Amino acid sequence: MKKVIMPHLLLLGACICWGVNPVIGKILNESLHPVALSTLRWLTALLILIPLTLWREKIDFRKVLAHWKLFFFTALFGVTLFQTCTYIAVKFTSPTNTMLINTATPILIACFYYIFRKEVLHRIQVLGMVLATAGVCIVLSQGKLEALLSLDFNTGDLIMVGAVLAWAAYSILSKELMQLFPLLTTISITSLIGVVLLVPAFLWTIIEHPVTGMTWEMVSGIIYLAISASVLAFLWWNYGMNALGTNTASMYLYLVPVITALVSTIVLREWITLSQVIGGLFVAYGVFLTTRKRPQPVQLEISTKKSVM
């Protein structure tokens, strides 16, 4: 019974970690630049990931070097761009909006596979993409047709669209890496490269936006993001996904914007709007249609033997 329930609990735990992430990020943005926040979060996470990886796994550094390009672009899209852009986005928009837009990631992954891998898209998947795109447009325009026609969108929402594009690319590349390397090795090496890529922007940020003093709230917030969103969520998610399958695990992602909305309402007093509800439903149903497992056609065996009658 425990083995049956545990994967579901771990997936739920991962979604809670990711749902709280943009809310904590918005709070910390008041005293930390988004680039500094992203760098310090992943730098702290590395202090946990690297010793854990060296203890649990044997890193084949020659093999890592042989696939350095794959590691580089995975880190660039997943750590450097996505996480930083997410924290920049919540500086201008609500955490709920960022997670609603992020829910459309499977749509972009399907599009990328169609464009670069020539994978066939079925009609139901195309319908799902149209519905999810309509949902994102409702969220971006806040349900106002004039804003949609004039392309007058919130800056943070547009930045989050760019972040989702980066995450979709990361999802495809990281899947290839995990077929070549163990989980902890993949996460640790990509995190390390991502932090190295962030260092130049981090140094510029410290010069232009110096931190006057680190408060206990700032330190505890960074530690929380490092442990929960950077380490535990990734480990829990991958364990649950391997146990239950990608299709079942992906259903849990619909909980992330719900959790974000609830936490935002309680902590930030940001109330859920009708456009967010309607847009979120469009996105959720569109992603469901695009990612659901299609039933296999039943093969009927027709006997070719002649009747003896």
C-alpha atoms as a PDB file:
ATOM      1  CA  MET A   1       0.000   0.000   0.000  1.00  0.00           C
ATOM      2  CA  LYS A   2       2.837   2.375   0.891  1.00  0.00           C
ATOM      3  CA  LYS A   3       4.558   1.740  -2.449  1.00  0.00           C
ATOM      4  CA  VAL A   4       1.317   2.606  -4.258  1.00  0.00           C
ATOM      5  CA  ILE A   5       0.658   5.859  -2.369  1.00  0.00           C
ATOM      6  CA  MET A   6       4.261   7.146  -2.118  1.00  0.00           C
ATOM      7  CA  PRO A   7       4.731   8.152  -5.811  1.00  0.00           C
ATOM      8  CA  HIS A   8       1.487  10.164  -5.672  1.00  0.00           C
ATOM      9  CA  LEU A   9       2.575  11.905  -2.457  1.00  0.00           C
ATOM     10  CA  LEU A  10       5.970  12.736  -3.958  1.00  0.00           C
ATOM     11  CA  LEU A  11       4.388  14.208  -7.103  1.00  0.00           C
ATOM     12  CA  LEU A  12       2.057  16.275  -4.925  1.00  0.00           C
ATOM     13  CA  GLY A  13       5.025  17.442  -2.853  1.00  0.00           C
ATOM     14  CA  ALA A  14       6.914  18.492  -5.995  1.00  0.00           C
ATOM     15  CA  CYS A  15       3.907  20.497  -7.223  1.00  0.00           C
ATOM     16  CA  ILE A  16       3.601  22.247  -3.849  1.00  0.00           C
ATOM     17  CA  CYS A  17       7.298  23.208  -3.991  1.00  0.00           C
ATOM     18  CA  TRP A  18       6.944  24.586  -7.522  1.00  0.00           C
ATOM     19  CA  GLY A  19       3.645  26.302  -6.698  1.00  0.00           C
ATOM     20  CA  VAL A  20       5.142  28.212  -3.764  1.00  0.00           C
ATOM     21  CA  ASN A  21       8.335  29.088  -5.716  1.00  0.00           C
ATOM     22  CA  PRO A  22       7.055  32.195  -7.623  1.00  0.00           C
ATOM     23  CA  VAL A  23       5.373  33.582  -4.495  1.00  0.00           C
ATOM     24  CA  ILE A  24       8.626  33.420  -2.506  1.00  0.00           C
ATOM     25  CA  GLY A  25      10.418  34.831  -5.557  1.00  0.00           C
ATOM     26  CA  LYS A  26       8.093  37.837  -5.711  1.00  0.00           C
ATOM     27  CA  ILE A  27       8.640  38.542  -2.001  1.00  0.00           C
ATOM     28  CA  LEU A  28      12.440  38.303  -2.320  1.00  0.00           C
ATOM     29  CA  ASN A  29      12.382  40.481  -5.465  1.00  0.00           C
ATOM     30  CA  GLU A  30      11.673  43.448  -3.213  1.00  0.00           C
ATOM     31  CA  SER A  31      15.209  43.284  -1.807  1.00  0.00           C
ATOM     32  CA  LEU A  32      17.128  41.124  -4.309  1.00  0.00           C
ATOM     33  CA  HIS A  33      17.574  41.509  -8.066  1.00  0.00           C
ATOM     34  CA  PRO A  34      16.075  38.496  -9.934  1.00  0.00           C
ATOM     35  CA  VAL A  35      19.488  37.554 -11.380  1.00  0.00           C
ATOM     36  CA  ALA A  36      21.063  37.620  -7.914  1.00  0.00           C
ATOM     37  CA  LEU A  37      18.170  35.594  -6.508  1.00  0.00           C
ATOM     38  CA  SER A  38      18.465  32.926  -9.217  1.00  0.00           C
ATOM     39  CA  THR A  39      22.259  32.715  -8.803  1.00  0.00           C
ATOM     40  CA  LEU A  40      22.189  32.476  -5.013  1.00  0.00           C
ATOM     41  CA  ARG A  41      19.384  29.891  -5.150  1.00  0.00           C
ATOM     42  CA  TRP A  42      21.278  27.548  -7.474  1.00  0.00           C
ATOM     43  CA  LEU A  43      24.621  28.188  -5.777  1.00  0.00           C
ATOM     44  CA  THR A  44      23.066  27.103  -2.475  1.00  0.00           C
ATOM     45  CA  ALA A  45      21.457  24.101  -4.156  1.00  0.00           C
ATOM     46  CA  LEU A  46      24.859  23.020  -5.480  1.00  0.00           C
ATOM     47  CA  LEU A  47      26.187  22.823  -1.914  1.00  0.00           C
ATOM     48  CA  ILE A  48      23.617  20.055  -1.425  1.00  0.00           C
ATOM     49  CA  LEU A  49      23.591  18.451  -4.877  1.00  0.00           C
ATOM     50  CA  ILE A  50      27.323  17.948  -5.439  1.00  0.00           C
ATOM     51  CA  PRO A  51      28.090  16.085  -2.146  1.00  0.00           C
ATOM     52  CA  LEU A  52      24.879  14.062  -2.590  1.00  0.00           C
ATOM     53  CA  THR A  53      25.836  13.125  -6.157  1.00  0.00           C
ATOM     54  CA  LEU A  54      29.401  12.163  -5.210  1.00  0.00           C
ATOM     55  CA  TRP A  55      28.007   9.995  -2.396  1.00  0.00           C
ATOM     56  CA  ARG A  56      25.265   8.250  -4.380  1.00  0.00           C
ATOM     57  CA  GLU A  57      26.690   8.080  -7.908  1.00  0.00           C
ATOM     58  CA  LYS A  58      30.022   7.750  -9.676  1.00  0.00           C
ATOM     59  CA  ILE A  59      30.397  10.590 -12.171  1.00  0.00           C
ATOM     60  CA  ASP A  60      31.984   9.577 -15.480  1.00  0.00           C
ATOM     61  CA  PHE A  61      33.721  12.883 -16.276  1.00  0.00           C
ATOM     62  CA  ARG A  62      35.027  11.654 -19.654  1.00  0.00           C
ATOM     63  CA  LYS A  63      31.487  10.844 -20.716  1.00  0.00           C
ATOM     64  CA  VAL A  64      30.314  14.232 -19.410  1.00  0.00           C
ATOM     65  CA  LEU A  65      32.966  16.024 -21.491  1.00  0.00           C
ATOM     66  CA  ALA A  66      31.981  13.985 -24.529  1.00  0.00           C
ATOM     67  CA  HIS A  67      28.442  15.391 -24.232  1.00  0.00           C
ATOM     68  CA  TRP A  68      29.407  18.904 -23.111  1.00  0.00           C
ATOM     69  CA  LYS A  69      27.292  20.624 -25.790  1.00  0.00           C
ATOM     70  CA  LEU A  70      24.156  18.829 -24.629  1.00  0.00           C
ATOM     71  CA  PHE A  71      24.917  19.740 -21.004  1.00  0.00           C
ATOM     72  CA  PHE A  72      25.666  23.360 -21.975  1.00  0.00           C
ATOM     73  CA  PHE A  73      22.383  24.024 -23.760  1.00  0.00           C
ATOM     74  CA  THR A  74      20.358  22.091 -21.180  1.00  0.00           C
ATOM     75  CA  ALA A  75      21.841  24.279 -18.433  1.00  0.00           C
ATOM     76  CA  LEU A  76      21.427  27.452 -20.504  1.00  0.00           C
ATOM     77  CA  PHE A  77      17.711  26.890 -21.120  1.00  0.00           C
ATOM     78  CA  GLY A  78      16.726  25.204 -17.846  1.00  0.00           C
ATOM     79  CA  VAL A  79      18.803  26.943 -15.170  1.00  0.00           C
ATOM     80  CA  THR A  80      20.170  30.190 -16.584  1.00  0.00           C
ATOM     81  CA  LEU A  81      17.232  31.394 -18.693  1.00  0.00           C
ATOM     82  CA  PHE A  82      14.076  29.756 -17.338  1.00  0.00           C
ATOM     83  CA  GLN A  83      14.613  30.314 -13.618  1.00  0.00           C
ATOM     84  CA  THR A  84      15.990  33.837 -14.031  1.00  0.00           C
ATOM     85  CA  CYS A  85      13.227  34.888 -16.432  1.00  0.00           C
ATOM     86  CA  THR A  86      10.612  33.488 -14.043  1.00  0.00           C
ATOM     87  CA  TYR A  87      11.891  35.682 -11.209  1.00  0.00           C
ATOM     88  CA  ILE A  88      12.061  38.691 -13.545  1.00  0.00           C
ATOM     89  CA  ALA A  89       8.492  37.972 -14.681  1.00  0.00           C
ATOM     90  CA  VAL A  90       7.006  37.929 -11.149  1.00  0.00           C
ATOM     91  CA  LYS A  91       8.507  41.381 -10.615  1.00  0.00           C
ATOM     92  CA  PHE A  92       5.963  42.725 -13.140  1.00  0.00           C
ATOM     93  CA  THR A  93       3.068  40.263 -12.990  1.00  0.00           C
ATOM     94  CA  SER A  94       1.310  37.978 -10.515  1.00  0.00           C
ATOM     95  CA  PRO A  95       2.737  34.568  -9.528  1.00  0.00           C
ATOM     96  CA  THR A  96      -0.592  33.023 -10.584  1.00  0.00           C
ATOM     97  CA  ASN A  97      -0.218  34.354 -14.133  1.00  0.00           C
ATOM     98  CA  THR A  98       3.312  32.952 -14.420  1.00  0.00           C
ATOM     99  CA  MET A  99       2.190  29.462 -13.441  1.00  0.00           C
ATOM    100  CA  LEU A 100      -0.905  29.565 -15.672  1.00  0.00           C
ATOM    101  CA  ILE A 101       1.314  30.438 -18.639  1.00  0.00           C
ATOM    102  CA  ASN A 102       3.843  27.805 -17.561  1.00  0.00           C
ATOM    103  CA  THR A 103       1.108  25.135 -17.689  1.00  0.00           C
ATOM    104  CA  ALA A 104       1.161  25.435 -21.493  1.00  0.00           C
ATOM    105  CA  THR A 105       4.694  23.962 -21.633  1.00  0.00           C
ATOM    106  CA  PRO A 106       3.562  20.515 -22.943  1.00  0.00           C
ATOM    107  CA  ILE A 107       1.981  22.296 -25.923  1.00  0.00           C
ATOM    108  CA  LEU A 108       5.314  23.842 -26.875  1.00  0.00           C
ATOM    109  CA  ILE A 109       7.108  20.524 -26.354  1.00  0.00           C
ATOM    110  CA  ALA A 110       4.684  18.851 -28.780  1.00  0.00           C
ATOM    111  CA  CYS A 111       5.271  21.689 -31.276  1.00  0.00           C
ATOM    112  CA  PHE A 112       9.054  21.340 -30.969  1.00  0.00           C
ATOM    113  CA  TYR A 113       8.842  17.589 -31.551  1.00  0.00           C
ATOM    114  CA  TYR A 114       6.682  18.239 -34.617  1.00  0.00           C
ATOM    115  CA  ILE A 115       9.072  20.876 -36.034  1.00  0.00           C
ATOM    116  CA  PHE A 116      12.438  19.273 -35.229  1.00  0.00           C
ATOM    117  CA  ARG A 117      11.620  15.556 -34.954  1.00  0.00           C
ATOM    118  CA  LYS A 118       8.807  15.442 -37.564  1.00  0.00           C
ATOM    119  CA  GLU A 119       6.519  13.646 -35.099  1.00  0.00           C
ATOM    120  CA  VAL A 120       2.935  13.407 -36.332  1.00  0.00           C
ATOM    121  CA  LEU A 121       0.310  15.615 -34.659  1.00  0.00           C
ATOM    122  CA  HIS A 122      -3.221  14.226 -34.519  1.00  0.00           C
ATOM    123  CA  ARG A 123      -6.318  16.372 -34.927  1.00  0.00           C
ATOM    124  CA  ILE A 124      -7.200  16.135 -31.239  1.00  0.00           C
ATOM    125  CA  GLN A 125      -3.696  17.391 -30.367  1.00  0.00           C
ATOM    126  CA  VAL A 126      -4.065  20.354 -32.729  1.00  0.00           C
ATOM    127  CA  LEU A 127      -7.428  21.147 -31.094  1.00  0.00           C
ATOM    128  CA  GLY A 128      -5.727  20.984 -27.700  1.00  0.00           C
ATOM    129  CA  MET A 129      -3.028  23.393 -28.870  1.00  0.00           C
ATOM    130  CA  VAL A 130      -5.632  25.848 -30.139  1.00  0.00           C
ATOM    131  CA  LEU A 131      -7.537  25.737 -26.833  1.00  0.00           C
ATOM    132  CA  ALA A 132      -4.370  26.117 -24.739  1.00  0.00           C
ATOM    133  CA  THR A 133      -3.176  29.026 -26.908  1.00  0.00           C
ATOM    134  CA  ALA A 134      -6.577  30.680 -26.507  1.00  0.00           C
ATOM    135  CA  GLY A 135      -6.280  30.208 -22.742  1.00  0.00           C
ATOM    136  CA  VAL A 136      -2.832  31.823 -22.632  1.00  0.00           C
ATOM    137  CA  CYS A 137      -4.172  34.747 -24.714  1.00  0.00           C
ATOM    138  CA  ILE A 138      -7.031  35.208 -22.214  1.00  0.00           C
ATOM    139  CA  VAL A 139      -4.536  35.298 -19.338  1.00  0.00           C
ATOM    140  CA  LEU A 140      -2.178  37.662 -21.205  1.00  0.00           C
ATOM    141  CA  SER A 141      -4.945  40.081 -22.211  1.00  0.00           C
ATOM    142  CA  GLN A 142      -6.781  39.792 -18.857  1.00  0.00           C
ATOM    143  CA  GLY A 143      -9.890  38.900 -20.848  1.00  0.00           C
ATOM    144  CA  LYS A 144      -9.888  42.227 -22.704  1.00  0.00           C
ATOM    145  CA  LEU A 145     -10.311  41.966 -26.475  1.00  0.00           C
ATOM    146  CA  GLU A 146      -8.881  45.444 -27.077  1.00  0.00           C
ATOM    147  CA  ALA A 147      -5.666  44.484 -25.255  1.00  0.00           C
ATOM    148  CA  LEU A 148      -5.375  41.370 -27.426  1.00  0.00           C
ATOM    149  CA  LEU A 149      -5.952  43.282 -30.677  1.00  0.00           C
ATOM    150  CA  SER A 150      -3.519  46.060 -29.753  1.00  0.00           C
ATOM    151  CA  LEU A 151      -0.943  43.552 -28.399  1.00  0.00           C
ATOM    152  CA  ASP A 152      -0.904  45.550 -25.151  1.00  0.00           C
ATOM    153  CA  PHE A 153       0.348  42.879 -22.769  1.00  0.00           C
ATOM    154  CA  ASN A 154       1.933  42.956 -19.340  1.00  0.00           C
ATOM    155  CA  THR A 155       5.754  42.919 -19.578  1.00  0.00           C
ATOM    156  CA  GLY A 156       6.036  40.170 -16.982  1.00  0.00           C
ATOM    157  CA  ASP A 157       3.583  37.940 -18.854  1.00  0.00           C
ATOM    158  CA  LEU A 158       5.605  38.279 -22.073  1.00  0.00           C
ATOM    159  CA  ILE A 159       8.840  37.499 -20.230  1.00  0.00           C
ATOM    160  CA  MET A 160       7.158  34.385 -18.821  1.00  0.00           C
ATOM    161  CA  VAL A 161       6.219  33.281 -22.348  1.00  0.00           C
ATOM    162  CA  GLY A 162       9.938  33.456 -23.172  1.00  0.00           C
ATOM    163  CA  ALA A 163      10.709  31.483 -20.002  1.00  0.00           C
ATOM    164  CA  VAL A 164       8.249  28.762 -21.039  1.00  0.00           C
ATOM    165  CA  LEU A 165       9.927  28.497 -24.446  1.00  0.00           C
ATOM    166  CA  ALA A 166      13.239  27.962 -22.636  1.00  0.00           C
ATOM    167  CA  TRP A 167      11.690  25.330 -20.339  1.00  0.00           C
ATOM    168  CA  ALA A 168      10.211  23.440 -23.283  1.00  0.00           C
ATOM    169  CA  ALA A 169      13.664  23.293 -24.889  1.00  0.00           C
ATOM    170  CA  TYR A 170      15.152  22.197 -21.544  1.00  0.00           C
ATOM    171  CA  SER A 171      12.562  19.432 -21.168  1.00  0.00           C
ATOM    172  CA  ILE A 172      13.505  17.899 -24.512  1.00  0.00           C
ATOM    173  CA  LEU A 173      17.272  18.178 -23.959  1.00  0.00           C
ATOM    174  CA  SER A 174      17.172  16.927 -20.358  1.00  0.00           C
ATOM    175  CA  LYS A 175      15.211  13.869 -21.463  1.00  0.00           C
ATOM    176  CA  GLU A 176      18.105  12.970 -23.772  1.00  0.00           C
ATOM    177  CA  LEU A 177      20.611  13.532 -20.963  1.00  0.00           C
ATOM    178  CA  MET A 178      18.724  11.309 -18.534  1.00  0.00           C
ATOM    179  CA  GLN A 179      18.932   8.477 -21.045  1.00  0.00           C
ATOM    180  CA  LEU A 180      22.732   8.801 -20.894  1.00  0.00           C
ATOM    181  CA  PHE A 181      23.390   9.754 -17.254  1.00  0.00           C
ATOM    182  CA  PRO A 182      21.907   9.060 -13.789  1.00  0.00           C
ATOM    183  CA  LEU A 183      19.432  11.598 -12.377  1.00  0.00           C
ATOM    184  CA  LEU A 184      21.662  13.251  -9.766  1.00  0.00           C
ATOM    185  CA  THR A 185      24.576  13.565 -12.180  1.00  0.00           C
ATOM    186  CA  THR A 186      22.335  15.242 -14.751  1.00  0.00           C
ATOM    187  CA  ILE A 187      20.871  17.733 -12.275  1.00  0.00           C
ATOM    188  CA  SER A 188      24.220  18.520 -10.612  1.00  0.00           C
ATOM    189  CA  ILE A 189      26.217  19.095 -13.814  1.00  0.00           C
ATOM    190  CA  THR A 190      23.494  21.208 -15.460  1.00  0.00           C
ATOM    191  CA  SER A 191      23.096  23.237 -12.252  1.00  0.00           C
ATOM    192  CA  LEU A 192      26.860  23.823 -12.059  1.00  0.00           C
ATOM    193  CA  ILE A 193      27.074  24.965 -15.684  1.00  0.00           C
ATOM    194  CA  GLY A 194      23.975  27.121 -15.245  1.00  0.00           C
ATOM    195  CA  VAL A 195      25.506  28.912 -12.258  1.00  0.00           C
ATOM    196  CA  VAL A 196      28.765  29.511 -14.163  1.00  0.00           C
ATOM    197  CA  LEU A 197      26.751  31.084 -17.000  1.00  0.00           C
ATOM    198  CA  LEU A 198      24.950  33.300 -14.466  1.00  0.00           C
ATOM    199  CA  VAL A 199      28.146  34.607 -12.822  1.00  0.00           C
ATOM    200  CA  PRO A 200      28.854  37.492 -15.303  1.00  0.00           C
ATOM    201  CA  ALA A 201      25.265  38.785 -15.002  1.00  0.00           C
ATOM    202  CA  PHE A 202      25.420  38.256 -11.224  1.00  0.00           C
ATOM    203  CA  LEU A 203      28.593  40.360 -10.899  1.00  0.00           C
ATOM    204  CA  TRP A 204      27.039  43.140 -12.988  1.00  0.00           C
ATOM    205  CA  THR A 205      23.927  43.004 -10.825  1.00  0.00           C
ATOM    206  CA  ILE A 206      25.923  43.292  -7.597  1.00  0.00           C
ATOM    207  CA  ILE A 207      27.676  46.398  -8.969  1.00  0.00           C
ATOM    208  CA  GLU A 208      24.535  48.070 -10.328  1.00  0.00           C
ATOM    209  CA  HIS A 209      22.145  46.909  -7.587  1.00  0.00           C
ATOM    210  CA  PRO A 210      24.264  46.302  -4.473  1.00  0.00           C
ATOM    211  CA  VAL A 211      22.667  44.396  -1.604  1.00  0.00           C
ATOM    212  CA  THR A 212      22.897  46.595   1.484  1.00  0.00           C
ATOM    213  CA  GLY A 213      22.435  43.720   3.916  1.00  0.00           C
ATOM    214  CA  MET A 214      21.217  40.148   4.024  1.00  0.00           C
ATOM    215  CA  THR A 215      18.331  39.764   6.435  1.00  0.00           C
ATOM    216  CA  TRP A 216      17.248  36.512   8.050  1.00  0.00           C
ATOM    217  CA  GLU A 217      14.121  36.518   5.843  1.00  0.00           C
ATOM    218  CA  MET A 218      16.244  36.755   2.682  1.00  0.00           C
ATOM    219  CA  VAL A 219      18.613  33.985   3.778  1.00  0.00           C
ATOM    220  CA  SER A 220      15.799  31.644   4.837  1.00  0.00           C
ATOM    221  CA  GLY A 221      13.923  32.346   1.569  1.00  0.00           C
ATOM    222  CA  ILE A 222      16.972  31.472  -0.545  1.00  0.00           C
ATOM    223  CA  ILE A 223      17.621  28.301   1.474  1.00  0.00           C
ATOM    224  CA  TYR A 224      13.981  27.291   1.099  1.00  0.00           C
ATOM    225  CA  LEU A 225      14.083  27.769  -2.702  1.00  0.00           C
ATOM    226  CA  ALA A 226      17.384  25.874  -2.941  1.00  0.00           C
ATOM    227  CA  ILE A 227      16.162  22.886  -0.939  1.00  0.00           C
ATOM    228  CA  SER A 228      12.535  22.674  -2.077  1.00  0.00           C
ATOM    229  CA  ALA A 229      12.289  23.950  -5.655  1.00  0.00           C
ATOM    230  CA  SER A 230      15.834  23.050  -6.773  1.00  0.00           C
ATOM    231  CA  VAL A 231      16.571  19.726  -5.050  1.00  0.00           C
ATOM    232  CA  LEU A 232      13.557  18.004  -3.496  1.00  0.00           C
ATOM    233  CA  ALA A 233      11.032  18.891  -6.212  1.00  0.00           C
ATOM    234  CA  PHE A 234      13.257  17.560  -9.005  1.00  0.00           C
ATOM    235  CA  LEU A 235      14.063  14.331  -7.135  1.00  0.00           C
ATOM    236  CA  TRP A 236      10.446  13.752  -6.050  1.00  0.00           C
ATOM    237  CA  TRP A 237       9.081  14.508  -9.509  1.00  0.00           C
ATOM    238  CA  ASN A 238      11.443  12.176 -11.333  1.00  0.00           C
ATOM    239  CA  TYR A 239      10.845   9.360  -8.817  1.00  0.00           C
ATOM    240  CA  GLY A 240       7.069   9.728  -9.134  1.00  0.00           C
ATOM    241  CA  MET A 241       7.225  10.010 -12.930  1.00  0.00           C
ATOM    242  CA  ASN A 242       9.353   6.878 -13.226  1.00  0.00           C
ATOM    243  CA  ALA A 243       6.944   4.973 -10.952  1.00  0.00           C
ATOM    244  CA  LEU A 244       3.644   6.103 -12.504  1.00  0.00           C
ATOM    245  CA  GLY A 245       4.589   7.122 -16.052  1.00  0.00           C
ATOM    246  CA  THR A 246       4.757  10.480 -17.813  1.00  0.00           C
ATOM    247  CA  ASN A 247       1.036  10.720 -18.645  1.00  0.00           C
ATOM    248  CA  THR A 248      -0.124  10.168 -15.068  1.00  0.00           C
ATOM    249  CA  ALA A 249       2.542  12.471 -13.641  1.00  0.00           C
ATOM    250  CA  SER A 250       1.677  15.277 -16.078  1.00  0.00           C
ATOM    251  CA  MET A 251      -1.854  15.415 -14.635  1.00  0.00           C
ATOM    252  CA  TYR A 252      -0.387  16.661 -11.367  1.00  0.00           C
ATOM    253  CA  LEU A 253       1.035  19.738 -13.116  1.00  0.00           C
ATOM    254  CA  TYR A 254      -2.490  21.182 -13.251  1.00  0.00           C
ATOM    255  CA  LEU A 255      -2.252  21.573  -9.468  1.00  0.00           C
ATOM    256  CA  VAL A 256       0.710  23.979  -9.661  1.00  0.00           C
ATOM    257  CA  PRO A 257      -1.213  27.140 -10.719  1.00  0.00           C
ATOM    258  CA  VAL A 258      -3.981  26.243  -8.231  1.00  0.00           C
ATOM    259  CA  ILE A 259      -1.430  26.038  -5.400  1.00  0.00           C
ATOM    260  CA  THR A 260       0.202  29.274  -6.560  1.00  0.00           C
ATOM    261  CA  ALA A 261      -3.165  31.050  -6.663  1.00  0.00           C
ATOM    262  CA  LEU A 262      -4.069  29.861  -3.149  1.00  0.00           C
ATOM    263  CA  VAL A 263      -0.688  30.839  -1.666  1.00  0.00           C
ATOM    264  CA  SER A 264      -0.779  34.211  -3.482  1.00  0.00           C
ATOM    265  CA  THR A 265      -4.235  34.911  -2.074  1.00  0.00           C
ATOM    266  CA  ILE A 266      -3.168  34.045   1.482  1.00  0.00           C
ATOM    267  CA  VAL A 267       0.321  35.598   1.495  1.00  0.00           C
ATOM    268  CA  LEU A 268       0.204  38.420  -1.079  1.00  0.00           C
ATOM    269  CA  ARG A 269      -3.533  39.204  -0.980  1.00  0.00           C
ATOM    270  CA  GLU A 270      -3.666  38.862  -4.780  1.00  0.00           C
ATOM    271  CA  TRP A 271      -7.198  37.748  -5.588  1.00  0.00           C
ATOM    272  CA  ILE A 272      -7.954  35.359  -8.440  1.00  0.00           C
ATOM    273  CA  THR A 273      -9.621  37.059 -11.425  1.00  0.00           C
ATOM    274  CA  LEU A 274     -12.276  35.650 -13.758  1.00  0.00           C
ATOM    275  CA  SER A 275      -9.888  35.851 -16.736  1.00  0.00           C
ATOM    276  CA  GLN A 276      -7.364  33.708 -14.847  1.00  0.00           C
ATOM    277  CA  VAL A 277     -10.002  31.069 -14.070  1.00  0.00           C
ATOM    278  CA  ILE A 278     -11.337  30.936 -17.653  1.00  0.00           C
ATOM    279  CA  GLY A 279      -7.872  31.081 -19.222  1.00  0.00           C
ATOM    280  CA  GLY A 280      -6.561  28.439 -16.824  1.00  0.00           C
ATOM    281  CA  LEU A 281      -9.405  26.066 -17.695  1.00  0.00           C
ATOM    282  CA  PHE A 282      -8.741  26.524 -21.425  1.00  0.00           C
ATOM    283  CA  VAL A 283      -5.017  25.823 -20.921  1.00  0.00           C
ATOM    284  CA  ALA A 284      -5.626  22.797 -18.670  1.00  0.00           C
ATOM    285  CA  TYR A 285      -8.112  21.162 -21.049  1.00  0.00           C
ATOM    286  CA  GLY A 286      -5.939  21.961 -24.068  1.00  0.00           C
ATOM    287  CA  VAL A 287      -2.895  20.357 -22.437  1.00  0.00           C
ATOM    288  CA  PHE A 288      -5.025  17.355 -21.437  1.00  0.00           C
ATOM    289  CA  LEU A 289      -6.117  16.803 -25.059  1.00  0.00           C
ATOM    290  CA  THR A 290      -2.566  17.231 -26.370  1.00  0.00           C
ATOM    291  CA  THR A 291      -0.802  14.955 -23.895  1.00  0.00           C
ATOM    292  CA  ARG A 292      -3.379  12.252 -23.195  1.00  0.00           C
ATOM    293  CA  LYS A 293      -2.473   8.728 -24.220  1.00  0.00           C
ATOM    294  CA  ARG A 294      -4.250   7.751 -27.409  1.00  0.00           C
ATOM    295  CA  PRO A 295      -5.929   4.316 -27.326  1.00  0.00           C
ATOM    296  CA  GLN A 296      -4.238   1.686 -29.436  1.00  0.00           C
ATOM    297  CA  PRO A 297      -6.355   0.355 -32.299  1.00  0.00           C
ATOM    298  CA  VAL A 298      -7.659  -3.160 -31.754  1.00  0.00           C
ATOM    299  CA  GLN A 299      -6.225  -5.651 -34.202  1.00  0.00           C
ATOM    300  CA  LEU A 300      -8.785  -8.214 -35.364  1.00  0.00           C
ATOM    301  CA  GLU A 301      -7.331 -11.515 -36.442  1.00  0.00           C
ATOM    302  CA  ILE A 302      -9.217 -13.007 -39.389  1.00  0.00           C
ATOM    303  CA  SER A 303      -8.690 -16.682 -39.906  1.00  0.00           C
ATOM    304  CA  THR A 304      -7.538 -17.635 -43.384  1.00  0.00           C
ATOM    305  CA  LYS A 305      -8.213 -21.335 -42.874  1.00  0.00           C
ATOM    306  CA  LYS A 306     -10.994 -22.828 -44.949  1.00  0.00           C
ATOM    307  CA  SER A 307     -13.907 -24.331 -43.142  1.00  0.00           C
ATOM    308  CA  VAL A 308     -13.947 -28.104 -42.978  1.00  0.00           C
ATOM    309  CA  MET A 309     -17.715 -28.096 -43.021  1.00  0.00           C
END
